[in-house]
Amino acid sequence: MSVFDISVETVNGSEKKVNDYKAKAIIVVNTASKCGFTPQFDGLQELYNKYKEDGLEILGFPSSQFMNQEPGSSEEAEEFCRLNYGVSFPMFAKIDVRGKNAHPLFKHLTKAAPGIISDQVKWNFTKFLIDGEGNVIKRYAPKTEPKDIEDDIKELIYK
């Protein structure tokens, strides 16, 4: 199974295939609007602005599994990101990113790029880098700032 075999739900409830992002470098990130790492939206948006024309896509997935730090609806989460951080990369419907109800995308990502202590996503703003062929290249901890993964992005985009 490839990441490109998985479908996700958009904020408006329609289905989107991850395959639509084939041949791009992709960052998948679980997000929350009331988290200490929420300011990372600025850095993610900066990366998106800088590299989207060269083939970077960022896919944001709100989740409220960590201390209910995404309490609103999917629509409210998207609006918060757009209004407060100028987010223009795609945000998707709220999902579970860990546990028995974890979305298949995150089940695949955590299996392909397990964590140090546990395969589970440990907190908001865990980031996964995927190449244009659907290979999970690397997993980044929530505390890893977006600017610190720029070299890995450039290596995928400009290879």
N, C-alpha and C. Protein backbone atom coordinates (compact mmCIF):
# COMPACT_ATOMS: atom_id res chain seq x y z
N MET A 1 0.84 -1.19 0.00
CA MET A 1 0.00 0.00 0.00
C MET A 1 0.88 1.24 0.00
N SER A 2 0.48 2.22 -0.74
CA SER A 2 1.19 3.49 -0.84
C SER A 2 0.33 4.60 -0.25
N VAL A 3 0.98 5.66 0.15
CA VAL A 3 0.25 6.84 0.62
C VAL A 3 -0.72 7.34 -0.45
N PHE A 4 -0.39 7.07 -1.71
CA PHE A 4 -1.23 7.53 -2.82
C PHE A 4 -2.51 6.70 -2.99
N ASP A 5 -2.63 5.59 -2.27
CA ASP A 5 -3.84 4.78 -2.30
C ASP A 5 -4.88 5.26 -1.29
N ILE A 6 -4.55 6.27 -0.52
CA ILE A 6 -5.40 6.73 0.58
C ILE A 6 -6.19 7.97 0.17
N SER A 7 -7.41 8.04 0.66
CA SER A 7 -8.26 9.22 0.45
C SER A 7 -8.45 9.93 1.78
N VAL A 8 -8.62 11.23 1.72
CA VAL A 8 -8.85 12.04 2.91
C VAL A 8 -10.09 12.90 2.68
N GLU A 9 -10.64 13.41 3.75
CA GLU A 9 -11.84 14.24 3.65
C GLU A 9 -11.46 15.72 3.76
N THR A 10 -11.97 16.51 2.83
CA THR A 10 -11.71 17.95 2.87
C THR A 10 -12.60 18.59 3.94
N VAL A 11 -12.34 19.84 4.22
CA VAL A 11 -13.13 20.57 5.21
C VAL A 11 -14.60 20.61 4.82
N ASN A 12 -14.88 20.69 3.52
CA ASN A 12 -16.28 20.76 3.08
C ASN A 12 -16.93 19.38 2.93
N GLY A 13 -16.22 18.32 3.32
CA GLY A 13 -16.80 16.99 3.34
C GLY A 13 -16.61 16.15 2.09
N SER A 14 -15.93 16.68 1.09
CA SER A 14 -15.70 15.87 -0.12
C SER A 14 -14.43 15.02 0.06
N GLU A 15 -14.33 14.01 -0.77
CA GLU A 15 -13.19 13.12 -0.71
C GLU A 15 -12.08 13.60 -1.65
N LYS A 16 -10.86 13.53 -1.17
CA LYS A 16 -9.69 13.93 -1.97
C LYS A 16 -8.67 12.81 -1.88
N LYS A 17 -8.13 12.42 -2.99
CA LYS A 17 -7.12 11.37 -3.01
C LYS A 17 -5.74 12.00 -2.82
N VAL A 18 -4.94 11.38 -1.97
CA VAL A 18 -3.57 11.84 -1.77
C VAL A 18 -2.82 11.73 -3.10
N ASN A 19 -3.26 10.83 -3.96
CA ASN A 19 -2.68 10.66 -5.29
C ASN A 19 -2.69 11.97 -6.09
N ASP A 20 -3.60 12.88 -5.77
CA ASP A 20 -3.65 14.18 -6.45
C ASP A 20 -2.37 14.98 -6.25
N TYR A 21 -1.57 14.60 -5.26
CA TYR A 21 -0.33 15.32 -4.96
C TYR A 21 0.91 14.54 -5.42
N LYS A 22 0.68 13.53 -6.24
CA LYS A 22 1.78 12.71 -6.76
C LYS A 22 2.79 13.60 -7.48
N ALA A 23 4.04 13.21 -7.44
CA ALA A 23 5.14 13.92 -8.08
C ALA A 23 5.51 15.22 -7.37
N LYS A 24 5.02 15.41 -6.15
CA LYS A 24 5.38 16.58 -5.35
C LYS A 24 6.03 16.12 -4.06
N ALA A 25 6.80 16.99 -3.46
CA ALA A 25 7.26 16.74 -2.10
C ALA A 25 6.11 17.17 -1.20
N ILE A 26 5.76 16.33 -0.24
CA ILE A 26 4.60 16.58 0.60
C ILE A 26 5.01 16.56 2.07
N ILE A 27 4.51 17.55 2.79
CA ILE A 27 4.60 17.54 4.25
C ILE A 27 3.18 17.29 4.75
N VAL A 28 3.01 16.25 5.54
CA VAL A 28 1.75 15.99 6.22
C VAL A 28 1.97 16.35 7.68
N VAL A 29 1.07 17.16 8.23
CA VAL A 29 1.22 17.61 9.61
C VAL A 29 -0.12 17.57 10.32
N ASN A 30 -0.12 17.05 11.55
CA ASN A 30 -1.33 17.13 12.37
C ASN A 30 -1.26 18.43 13.16
N THR A 31 -2.36 19.16 13.17
CA THR A 31 -2.35 20.52 13.71
C THR A 31 -3.38 20.70 14.82
N ALA A 32 -3.24 21.80 15.55
CA ALA A 32 -4.20 22.22 16.57
C ALA A 32 -4.05 23.72 16.77
N SER A 33 -5.15 24.39 16.95
CA SER A 33 -5.13 25.86 17.05
C SER A 33 -4.85 26.37 18.46
N LYS A 34 -4.90 25.51 19.46
CA LYS A 34 -4.70 25.96 20.85
C LYS A 34 -3.49 25.28 21.48
N CYS A 35 -2.48 25.06 20.69
CA CYS A 35 -1.29 24.33 21.12
C CYS A 35 -0.09 25.29 21.21
N GLY A 36 0.85 24.96 22.06
CA GLY A 36 2.07 25.76 22.15
C GLY A 36 2.86 25.78 20.85
N PHE A 37 2.65 24.79 20.00
CA PHE A 37 3.35 24.73 18.72
C PHE A 37 2.57 25.40 17.59
N THR A 38 1.39 25.94 17.88
CA THR A 38 0.55 26.57 16.85
C THR A 38 1.29 27.63 16.04
N PRO A 39 2.19 28.41 16.65
CA PRO A 39 2.93 29.39 15.84
C PRO A 39 3.75 28.78 14.70
N GLN A 40 3.92 27.46 14.68
CA GLN A 40 4.61 26.82 13.56
C GLN A 40 3.85 27.00 12.25
N PHE A 41 2.57 27.38 12.33
CA PHE A 41 1.84 27.67 11.09
C PHE A 41 2.57 28.74 10.29
N ASP A 42 3.17 29.71 10.97
CA ASP A 42 3.93 30.76 10.26
C ASP A 42 5.06 30.14 9.44
N GLY A 43 5.84 29.27 10.06
CA GLY A 43 6.96 28.64 9.37
C GLY A 43 6.51 27.71 8.26
N LEU A 44 5.42 26.99 8.49
CA LEU A 44 4.90 26.11 7.44
C LEU A 44 4.44 26.93 6.25
N GLN A 45 3.76 28.04 6.52
CA GLN A 45 3.29 28.89 5.43
C GLN A 45 4.47 29.51 4.67
N GLU A 46 5.52 29.89 5.40
CA GLU A 46 6.72 30.43 4.74
C GLU A 46 7.32 29.40 3.78
N LEU A 47 7.43 28.16 4.24
CA LEU A 47 7.95 27.09 3.36
C LEU A 47 7.05 26.92 2.14
N TYR A 48 5.74 26.93 2.36
CA TYR A 48 4.79 26.76 1.27
C TYR A 48 4.93 27.88 0.26
N ASN A 49 5.01 29.11 0.75
CA ASN A 49 5.17 30.26 -0.16
C ASN A 49 6.45 30.15 -0.97
N LYS A 50 7.50 29.71 -0.33
CA LYS A 50 8.82 29.66 -0.96
C LYS A 50 8.95 28.53 -1.98
N TYR A 51 8.30 27.38 -1.73
CA TYR A 51 8.56 26.20 -2.55
C TYR A 51 7.35 25.61 -3.26
N LYS A 52 6.18 26.20 -3.11
CA LYS A 52 5.00 25.59 -3.76
C LYS A 52 5.12 25.57 -5.28
N GLU A 53 5.71 26.59 -5.86
CA GLU A 53 5.87 26.63 -7.31
C GLU A 53 6.90 25.61 -7.80
N ASP A 54 7.75 25.15 -6.88
CA ASP A 54 8.78 24.16 -7.23
C ASP A 54 8.36 22.73 -6.90
N GLY A 55 7.15 22.57 -6.36
CA GLY A 55 6.65 21.23 -6.13
C GLY A 55 6.42 20.81 -4.69
N LEU A 56 6.33 21.76 -3.76
CA LEU A 56 6.03 21.41 -2.37
C LEU A 56 4.53 21.54 -2.12
N GLU A 57 4.00 20.57 -1.41
CA GLU A 57 2.62 20.64 -0.95
C GLU A 57 2.62 20.36 0.55
N ILE A 58 1.83 21.11 1.29
CA ILE A 58 1.67 20.89 2.72
C ILE A 58 0.21 20.56 2.96
N LEU A 59 -0.03 19.48 3.68
CA LEU A 59 -1.38 19.03 3.98
C LEU A 59 -1.57 19.05 5.49
N GLY A 60 -2.50 19.89 5.95
CA GLY A 60 -2.75 20.04 7.38
C GLY A 60 -3.98 19.27 7.83
N PHE A 61 -3.83 18.53 8.92
CA PHE A 61 -4.92 17.70 9.45
C PHE A 61 -5.17 18.05 10.91
N PRO A 62 -6.18 18.86 11.18
CA PRO A 62 -6.51 19.19 12.57
C PRO A 62 -6.90 17.94 13.35
N SER A 63 -6.47 17.89 14.58
CA SER A 63 -6.81 16.78 15.47
C SER A 63 -6.97 17.33 16.88
N SER A 64 -7.94 16.79 17.58
CA SER A 64 -8.18 17.23 18.95
C SER A 64 -7.85 16.13 19.95
N GLN A 65 -6.95 15.26 19.60
CA GLN A 65 -6.62 14.13 20.46
C GLN A 65 -5.66 14.47 21.60
N PHE A 66 -5.09 15.64 21.58
CA PHE A 66 -4.11 16.00 22.59
C PHE A 66 -4.64 17.17 23.41
N MET A 67 -5.20 16.85 24.55
CA MET A 67 -5.76 17.85 25.48
C MET A 67 -6.81 18.75 24.83
N ASN A 68 -7.55 18.22 23.88
CA ASN A 68 -8.64 18.96 23.22
C ASN A 68 -8.17 20.32 22.70
N GLN A 69 -6.99 20.35 22.08
CA GLN A 69 -6.40 21.61 21.62
C GLN A 69 -6.92 22.04 20.25
N GLU A 70 -7.86 21.29 19.70
CA GLU A 70 -8.58 21.72 18.49
C GLU A 70 -10.07 21.50 18.77
N PRO A 71 -10.66 22.38 19.60
CA PRO A 71 -12.02 22.14 20.09
C PRO A 71 -13.14 22.42 19.09
N GLY A 72 -12.89 23.22 18.09
CA GLY A 72 -13.94 23.60 17.15
C GLY A 72 -14.12 22.59 16.03
N SER A 73 -14.93 22.97 15.07
CA SER A 73 -15.18 22.14 13.90
C SER A 73 -14.01 22.24 12.92
N SER A 74 -14.06 21.41 11.90
CA SER A 74 -13.04 21.48 10.83
C SER A 74 -13.04 22.85 10.19
N GLU A 75 -14.24 23.39 9.95
CA GLU A 75 -14.37 24.71 9.33
C GLU A 75 -13.77 25.80 10.21
N GLU A 76 -14.00 25.70 11.53
CA GLU A 76 -13.44 26.69 12.46
C GLU A 76 -11.92 26.59 12.50
N ALA A 77 -11.40 25.38 12.45
CA ALA A 77 -9.94 25.19 12.45
C ALA A 77 -9.33 25.82 11.20
N GLU A 78 -9.94 25.58 10.06
CA GLU A 78 -9.42 26.14 8.81
C GLU A 78 -9.49 27.67 8.84
N GLU A 79 -10.60 28.20 9.31
CA GLU A 79 -10.75 29.66 9.38
C GLU A 79 -9.72 30.27 10.33
N PHE A 80 -9.49 29.64 11.47
CA PHE A 80 -8.48 30.11 12.42
C PHE A 80 -7.11 30.20 11.74
N CYS A 81 -6.75 29.14 11.03
CA CYS A 81 -5.44 29.10 10.36
C CYS A 81 -5.32 30.19 9.30
N ARG A 82 -6.37 30.36 8.54
CA ARG A 82 -6.36 31.35 7.46
C ARG A 82 -6.30 32.78 8.03
N LEU A 83 -7.13 33.06 9.02
CA LEU A 83 -7.21 34.43 9.56
C LEU A 83 -6.01 34.80 10.42
N ASN A 84 -5.52 33.87 11.22
CA ASN A 84 -4.45 34.19 12.17
C ASN A 84 -3.04 33.95 11.64
N TYR A 85 -2.90 33.06 10.67
CA TYR A 85 -1.57 32.72 10.16
C TYR A 85 -1.46 32.83 8.65
N GLY A 86 -2.51 33.23 7.99
CA GLY A 86 -2.46 33.38 6.53
C GLY A 86 -2.27 32.07 5.80
N VAL A 87 -2.69 30.97 6.41
CA VAL A 87 -2.49 29.64 5.81
C VAL A 87 -3.25 29.53 4.50
N SER A 88 -2.53 29.18 3.46
CA SER A 88 -3.15 28.97 2.15
C SER A 88 -2.96 27.54 1.65
N PHE A 89 -2.16 26.74 2.38
CA PHE A 89 -2.04 25.34 1.99
C PHE A 89 -3.29 24.59 2.44
N PRO A 90 -3.56 23.44 1.83
CA PRO A 90 -4.80 22.72 2.12
C PRO A 90 -4.89 22.24 3.57
N MET A 91 -6.02 22.53 4.18
CA MET A 91 -6.38 21.99 5.49
C MET A 91 -7.53 21.02 5.25
N PHE A 92 -7.56 19.96 6.03
CA PHE A 92 -8.55 18.90 5.84
C PHE A 92 -9.43 18.77 7.07
N ALA A 93 -10.39 17.86 7.00
CA ALA A 93 -11.31 17.62 8.10
C ALA A 93 -10.55 17.09 9.32
N LYS A 94 -11.07 17.40 10.51
CA LYS A 94 -10.49 16.89 11.74
C LYS A 94 -10.49 15.37 11.72
N ILE A 95 -9.41 14.80 12.21
CA ILE A 95 -9.27 13.34 12.23
C ILE A 95 -8.57 12.90 13.51
N ASP A 96 -8.61 11.60 13.74
CA ASP A 96 -7.78 10.98 14.77
C ASP A 96 -6.46 10.60 14.11
N VAL A 97 -5.37 10.88 14.80
CA VAL A 97 -4.05 10.58 14.24
C VAL A 97 -3.35 9.45 15.00
N ARG A 98 -4.01 8.95 16.04
CA ARG A 98 -3.46 7.85 16.82
C ARG A 98 -4.58 7.02 17.41
N GLY A 99 -4.23 5.82 17.84
CA GLY A 99 -5.22 4.95 18.47
C GLY A 99 -5.98 4.11 17.46
N LYS A 100 -6.97 3.38 17.97
CA LYS A 100 -7.70 2.44 17.12
C LYS A 100 -8.50 3.13 16.03
N ASN A 101 -8.86 4.39 16.22
CA ASN A 101 -9.63 5.12 15.20
C ASN A 101 -8.76 6.05 14.36
N ALA A 102 -7.46 5.84 14.41
CA ALA A 102 -6.56 6.69 13.61
C ALA A 102 -6.91 6.57 12.13
N HIS A 103 -6.83 7.69 11.46
CA HIS A 103 -7.10 7.71 10.02
C HIS A 103 -6.06 6.83 9.30
N PRO A 104 -6.47 6.14 8.24
CA PRO A 104 -5.53 5.29 7.50
C PRO A 104 -4.26 6.01 7.05
N LEU A 105 -4.35 7.30 6.75
CA LEU A 105 -3.16 8.04 6.36
C LEU A 105 -2.13 8.03 7.48
N PHE A 106 -2.58 8.32 8.69
CA PHE A 106 -1.64 8.37 9.81
C PHE A 106 -1.20 6.97 10.25
N LYS A 107 -2.05 5.98 10.07
CA LYS A 107 -1.62 4.60 10.33
C LYS A 107 -0.47 4.25 9.38
N HIS A 108 -0.62 4.63 8.12
CA HIS A 108 0.43 4.35 7.13
C HIS A 108 1.71 5.12 7.46
N LEU A 109 1.57 6.40 7.75
CA LEU A 109 2.74 7.24 8.02
C LEU A 109 3.52 6.75 9.23
N THR A 110 2.81 6.42 10.31
CA THR A 110 3.51 6.00 11.52
C THR A 110 4.13 4.61 11.38
N LYS A 111 3.56 3.78 10.53
CA LYS A 111 4.17 2.48 10.26
C LYS A 111 5.43 2.65 9.42
N ALA A 112 5.36 3.55 8.42
CA ALA A 112 6.49 3.78 7.52
C ALA A 112 7.62 4.56 8.20
N ALA A 113 7.27 5.40 9.15
CA ALA A 113 8.27 6.22 9.85
C ALA A 113 7.96 6.19 11.35
N PRO A 114 8.32 5.09 12.02
CA PRO A 114 8.01 4.98 13.44
C PRO A 114 8.78 6.00 14.28
N GLY A 115 8.21 6.33 15.42
CA GLY A 115 8.87 7.25 16.35
C GLY A 115 9.97 6.54 17.12
N ILE A 116 10.64 7.28 17.95
CA ILE A 116 11.76 6.73 18.72
C ILE A 116 11.26 5.80 19.83
N ILE A 117 10.29 6.26 20.60
CA ILE A 117 9.78 5.47 21.72
C ILE A 117 8.56 4.66 21.30
N SER A 118 7.73 5.26 20.47
CA SER A 118 6.48 4.63 20.05
C SER A 118 6.18 5.00 18.60
N ASP A 119 5.45 4.14 17.92
CA ASP A 119 5.04 4.46 16.55
C ASP A 119 3.97 5.54 16.53
N GLN A 120 3.21 5.67 17.61
CA GLN A 120 2.10 6.61 17.66
C GLN A 120 2.57 8.06 17.51
N VAL A 121 1.71 8.89 16.95
CA VAL A 121 1.95 10.33 16.95
C VAL A 121 1.87 10.78 18.41
N LYS A 122 2.90 11.47 18.87
CA LYS A 122 2.97 11.82 20.28
C LYS A 122 2.27 13.13 20.61
N TRP A 123 2.21 14.06 19.64
CA TRP A 123 1.64 15.38 19.94
C TRP A 123 1.32 16.09 18.63
N ASN A 124 0.69 17.23 18.78
CA ASN A 124 0.38 18.08 17.63
C ASN A 124 1.66 18.52 16.92
N PHE A 125 1.55 18.75 15.65
CA PHE A 125 2.63 19.25 14.80
C PHE A 125 3.75 18.24 14.58
N THR A 126 3.40 16.95 14.64
CA THR A 126 4.30 15.92 14.13
C THR A 126 4.23 16.04 12.61
N LYS A 127 5.38 16.05 11.97
CA LYS A 127 5.44 16.27 10.53
C LYS A 127 6.07 15.07 9.84
N PHE A 128 5.53 14.75 8.65
CA PHE A 128 6.05 13.66 7.84
C PHE A 128 6.38 14.21 6.46
N LEU A 129 7.56 13.88 5.95
CA LEU A 129 7.98 14.30 4.62
C LEU A 129 7.87 13.10 3.68
N ILE A 130 7.17 13.31 2.57
CA ILE A 130 6.91 12.25 1.59
C ILE A 130 7.45 12.71 0.24
N ASP A 131 8.08 11.80 -0.49
CA ASP A 131 8.59 12.18 -1.82
C ASP A 131 7.50 12.02 -2.88
N GLY A 132 7.82 12.41 -4.09
CA GLY A 132 6.87 12.41 -5.19
C GLY A 132 6.41 11.03 -5.63
N GLU A 133 7.07 9.99 -5.12
CA GLU A 133 6.68 8.62 -5.44
C GLU A 133 5.89 7.98 -4.31
N GLY A 134 5.63 8.75 -3.26
CA GLY A 134 4.83 8.25 -2.15
C GLY A 134 5.61 7.61 -1.03
N ASN A 135 6.93 7.70 -1.08
CA ASN A 135 7.76 7.15 -0.01
C ASN A 135 7.84 8.11 1.16
N VAL A 136 7.64 7.60 2.36
CA VAL A 136 7.79 8.42 3.55
C VAL A 136 9.28 8.52 3.82
N ILE A 137 9.80 9.74 3.69
CA ILE A 137 11.24 9.97 3.80
C ILE A 137 11.68 10.16 5.25
N LYS A 138 10.90 10.93 6.01
CA LYS A 138 11.34 11.25 7.36
C LYS A 138 10.17 11.72 8.20
N ARG A 139 10.28 11.50 9.48
CA ARG A 139 9.32 11.97 10.48
C ARG A 139 10.03 13.00 11.35
N TYR A 140 9.31 14.08 11.67
CA TYR A 140 9.88 15.15 12.49
C TYR A 140 9.05 15.33 13.75
N ALA A 141 9.72 15.55 14.84
CA ALA A 141 9.06 15.74 16.13
C ALA A 141 8.27 17.05 16.14
N PRO A 142 7.28 17.15 17.01
CA PRO A 142 6.51 18.38 17.11
C PRO A 142 7.37 19.62 17.35
N LYS A 143 8.43 19.48 18.12
CA LYS A 143 9.27 20.65 18.42
C LYS A 143 10.16 21.07 17.24
N THR A 144 10.29 20.23 16.23
CA THR A 144 11.11 20.57 15.06
C THR A 144 10.44 21.72 14.31
N GLU A 145 11.13 22.82 14.21
CA GLU A 145 10.60 23.99 13.52
C GLU A 145 10.61 23.74 12.01
N PRO A 146 9.61 24.26 11.31
CA PRO A 146 9.56 24.08 9.86
C PRO A 146 10.86 24.47 9.14
N LYS A 147 11.49 25.55 9.55
CA LYS A 147 12.72 26.00 8.90
C LYS A 147 13.83 24.94 8.99
N ASP A 148 13.74 24.09 10.00
CA ASP A 148 14.77 23.06 10.20
C ASP A 148 14.60 21.86 9.27
N ILE A 149 13.52 21.82 8.50
CA ILE A 149 13.36 20.73 7.53
C ILE A 149 13.51 21.23 6.09
N GLU A 150 13.87 22.49 5.96
CA GLU A 150 14.00 23.10 4.63
C GLU A 150 15.03 22.39 3.76
N ASP A 151 16.17 22.02 4.31
CA ASP A 151 17.19 21.35 3.51
C ASP A 151 16.68 20.02 2.96
N ASP A 152 15.92 19.29 3.78
CA ASP A 152 15.36 18.01 3.31
C ASP A 152 14.34 18.24 2.19
N ILE A 153 13.58 19.31 2.29
CA ILE A 153 12.61 19.65 1.24
C ILE A 153 13.35 19.98 -0.05
N LYS A 154 14.37 20.82 0.05
CA LYS A 154 15.13 21.20 -1.15
C LYS A 154 15.77 19.98 -1.81
N GLU A 155 16.24 19.05 -0.99
CA GLU A 155 16.86 17.85 -1.54
C GLU A 155 15.85 17.05 -2.37
N LEU A 156 14.60 17.00 -1.94
CA LEU A 156 13.57 16.28 -2.70
C LEU A 156 13.14 17.05 -3.95
N ILE A 157 12.98 18.35 -3.80
CA ILE A 157 12.45 19.15 -4.91
C ILE A 157 13.48 19.31 -6.03
N TYR A 158 14.72 19.50 -5.65
CA TYR A 158 15.74 19.84 -6.65
C TYR A 158 16.64 18.68 -7.03
N LYS A 159 16.26 17.45 -6.69
CA LYS A 159 17.13 16.31 -7.03
C LYS A 159 17.06 15.98 -8.51
